[in-house]
Structures are given as C-alpha cells and as structure tokens.
Amino acid sequence: MEKYLDFLKLQYESAQELYRHEDNLCWKKINNMLYVNFGLFVLFGVAPGMMSVLAMFFGGTINLIFFVFLLGGTRHMSKKKRELTAIQEAILKALPAEKNESGEQEPAVKMKFKPWTLSMRMMLVTPLALLLVWLGLYFYG
C-alpha cells in the first residue's frame, strides 16, 4: 500500500508540473498577443492609408489565431486539472478513512472539480475583445 501511495504522489507531482507548465505557456501567449496588438495599434495610428488597413487585417487575424491557441491551451489545462483531481481522489481513497458519528467510514476530504476558472475564461475573452476592437476600427474607424 505504501508503494501505491508513493506511485500516486509521483503521478500527482508530474501532473501538477504539466498543469503549471501549460498555465505558464498560456500566460506567455497572452503577453505576446498584447505586445503584437500594441505594435499594430501604433502602426495603425501613424501609418497612412493602405498600411492602416493591413494593420487592421493583421490585428484581427492574429487575435483569431491567438484565440484558437488559447482555446487549445485552456482545454489542455482543464484536462490536466481533471487528472489532478482524479489522482487526489485516488490518494484519499488509499489513505485510511475517518469514522463519523454513526460509525461509517468517510474520506477525509471531498474533492470539488471546477473545469473552467475565471482566469481561464479571461484568457479566452481577451483575444475576442481585441478582435472586436479591430473589427470596430475596420467598419467604423
């Protein structure tokens, strides 16, 4: 039983590291997207005629591409989070359970799984909001 717990702890650490890595990648994607958008906004503001239209086109296209990348990343993060929760539940089942007032055994902690956190939602809303800004500039600017 102790080897099984050691195995589960090793799996948990590995899954946790993968989740953290994907989270960092998603935030780096957001950071790069903001840099690219800032540069295109500057180009849009100072460039004459056709360059402004190209900046708007690239701004919209880049935000759409970043949305697809971030959607894949957040889905992967959600999958890793689900795996982490499953490993946590397996660890808790392997540990000795506590007895309640009626003498029945209960796990020490009951796990709650939230697949989409607020920060994951914000990662997806940011490129869509910037895409709407570029579309607004194209149609009304």
Protein backbone atom coordinates (compact mmCIF):
# COMPACT_ATOMS: atom_id res chain seq x y z
CA MET A 1 0.00 0.00 0.00
CA GLU A 2 2.89 2.36 0.74
CA LYS A 3 4.39 1.78 -2.73
CA TYR A 4 0.98 2.54 -4.27
CA LEU A 5 0.80 5.83 -2.33
CA ASP A 6 4.34 6.72 -3.40
CA PHE A 7 3.37 5.98 -7.01
CA LEU A 8 0.26 8.18 -6.73
CA LYS A 9 2.26 11.02 -5.18
CA LEU A 10 4.78 10.81 -8.02
CA GLN A 11 1.94 10.89 -10.57
CA TYR A 12 0.39 13.84 -8.78
CA GLU A 13 3.65 15.82 -8.82
CA SER A 14 4.13 15.07 -12.52
CA ALA A 15 0.55 16.09 -13.43
CA GLN A 16 0.88 19.22 -11.30
CA GLU A 17 4.08 20.22 -13.10
CA LEU A 18 2.43 19.70 -16.51
CA TYR A 19 -0.55 21.82 -15.43
CA ARG A 20 1.75 24.60 -14.22
CA HIS A 21 3.75 24.45 -17.47
CA GLU A 22 0.61 24.79 -19.62
CA ASP A 23 -0.64 27.64 -17.44
CA ASN A 24 2.67 29.49 -17.93
CA LEU A 25 2.51 28.90 -21.68
CA CYS A 26 -1.00 30.35 -21.87
CA TRP A 27 0.03 33.46 -19.96
CA LYS A 28 3.06 33.88 -22.25
CA LYS A 29 0.70 33.65 -25.24
CA ILE A 30 -1.46 36.41 -23.72
CA ASN A 31 1.64 38.52 -23.12
CA ASN A 32 2.87 38.09 -26.70
CA MET A 33 -0.61 38.80 -28.07
CA LEU A 34 -0.72 42.10 -26.17
CA TYR A 35 2.73 43.09 -27.48
CA VAL A 36 1.71 42.35 -31.06
CA ASN A 37 -1.56 44.25 -30.66
CA PHE A 38 0.18 47.25 -29.13
CA GLY A 39 2.62 47.36 -32.06
CA LEU A 40 -0.23 47.10 -34.57
CA PHE A 41 -2.21 49.85 -32.76
CA VAL A 42 0.84 52.11 -33.04
CA LEU A 43 1.21 51.22 -36.72
CA PHE A 44 -2.50 51.87 -37.24
CA GLY A 45 -2.20 55.29 -35.61
CA VAL A 46 0.81 56.54 -37.57
CA ALA A 47 0.59 54.69 -40.89
CA PRO A 48 -1.16 56.24 -43.86
CA GLY A 49 -3.93 54.60 -45.91
CA MET A 50 -3.16 51.08 -47.00
CA MET A 51 -0.82 50.34 -44.07
CA SER A 52 -3.68 51.10 -41.67
CA VAL A 53 -5.92 48.63 -43.49
CA LEU A 54 -3.15 46.00 -43.31
CA ALA A 55 -2.68 46.66 -39.60
CA MET A 56 -6.42 46.15 -39.06
CA PHE A 57 -6.39 42.93 -41.09
CA PHE A 58 -3.36 41.53 -39.27
CA GLY A 59 -4.75 42.64 -35.90
CA GLY A 60 -7.98 40.74 -36.43
CA THR A 61 -6.28 37.69 -37.88
CA ILE A 62 -3.66 37.50 -35.14
CA ASN A 63 -6.29 37.75 -32.41
CA LEU A 64 -8.30 34.98 -34.02
CA ILE A 65 -5.18 32.79 -34.18
CA PHE A 66 -4.32 33.54 -30.55
CA PHE A 67 -7.88 32.66 -29.56
CA VAL A 68 -7.51 29.23 -31.19
CA PHE A 69 -4.13 28.70 -29.47
CA LEU A 70 -5.51 29.74 -26.09
CA LEU A 71 -8.61 27.61 -26.53
CA GLY A 72 -6.39 24.57 -27.04
CA GLY A 73 -4.23 25.53 -24.07
CA THR A 74 -7.15 26.07 -21.72
CA ARG A 75 -8.73 22.78 -22.78
CA HIS A 76 -5.44 21.04 -22.08
CA MET A 77 -5.26 22.77 -18.69
CA SER A 78 -8.80 21.63 -17.90
CA LYS A 79 -7.85 18.06 -18.82
CA LYS A 80 -4.77 18.21 -16.59
CA LYS A 81 -6.87 19.65 -13.78
CA ARG A 82 -9.31 16.75 -14.14
CA GLU A 83 -6.39 14.32 -13.96
CA LEU A 84 -5.05 16.06 -10.84
CA THR A 85 -8.44 15.74 -9.18
CA ALA A 86 -8.64 12.03 -10.07
CA ILE A 87 -5.18 11.42 -8.60
CA GLN A 88 -6.11 13.36 -5.45
CA GLU A 89 -9.22 11.24 -5.06
CA ALA A 90 -7.17 8.05 -5.52
CA ILE A 91 -4.72 9.23 -2.86
CA LEU A 92 -7.56 10.00 -0.48
CA LYS A 93 -9.13 6.57 -1.09
CA ALA A 94 -5.80 4.91 -0.38
CA LEU A 95 -5.43 6.72 2.95
CA PRO A 96 -7.23 5.38 5.99
CA ALA A 97 -10.69 6.90 6.32
CA GLU A 98 -12.10 8.55 9.43
CA LYS A 99 -15.23 7.27 11.14
CA ASN A 100 -18.23 9.56 11.57
CA GLU A 101 -20.80 9.58 14.42
CA SER A 102 -22.71 6.59 13.02
CA GLY A 103 -19.52 4.52 12.71
CA GLU A 104 -19.33 4.69 8.88
CA GLN A 105 -16.04 5.48 7.21
CA GLU A 106 -15.81 8.65 5.16
CA PRO A 107 -12.93 10.04 3.13
CA ALA A 108 -11.01 12.81 4.86
CA VAL A 109 -11.81 15.38 2.15
CA LYS A 110 -14.38 15.51 -0.63
CA MET A 111 -13.00 16.92 -3.88
CA LYS A 112 -14.70 19.58 -5.99
CA PHE A 113 -13.69 19.99 -9.60
CA LYS A 114 -14.14 23.27 -11.47
CA PRO A 115 -13.02 22.73 -15.06
CA TRP A 116 -13.04 26.42 -16.06
CA THR A 117 -11.71 29.05 -13.68
CA LEU A 118 -12.17 32.79 -14.05
CA SER A 119 -8.59 33.25 -15.28
CA MET A 120 -9.09 30.58 -17.95
CA ARG A 121 -12.22 32.38 -19.14
CA MET A 122 -10.37 35.70 -19.20
CA MET A 123 -7.66 34.11 -21.34
CA LEU A 124 -10.31 33.38 -23.95
CA VAL A 125 -12.19 36.68 -23.67
CA THR A 126 -9.09 38.85 -24.17
CA PRO A 127 -8.35 37.90 -27.81
CA LEU A 128 -12.06 38.05 -28.67
CA ALA A 129 -12.36 41.53 -27.17
CA LEU A 130 -9.32 42.73 -29.13
CA LEU A 131 -10.75 41.12 -32.27
CA LEU A 132 -13.92 43.16 -31.76
CA VAL A 133 -11.82 46.31 -31.37
CA TRP A 134 -10.07 45.62 -34.68
CA LEU A 135 -13.39 44.88 -36.40
CA GLY A 136 -14.80 48.10 -34.97
CA LEU A 137 -11.84 50.05 -36.32
CA TYR A 138 -12.29 48.43 -39.70
CA PHE A 139 -16.01 49.12 -40.01
CA TYR A 140 -16.31 52.40 -38.09
CA GLY A 141 -12.77 53.78 -37.94
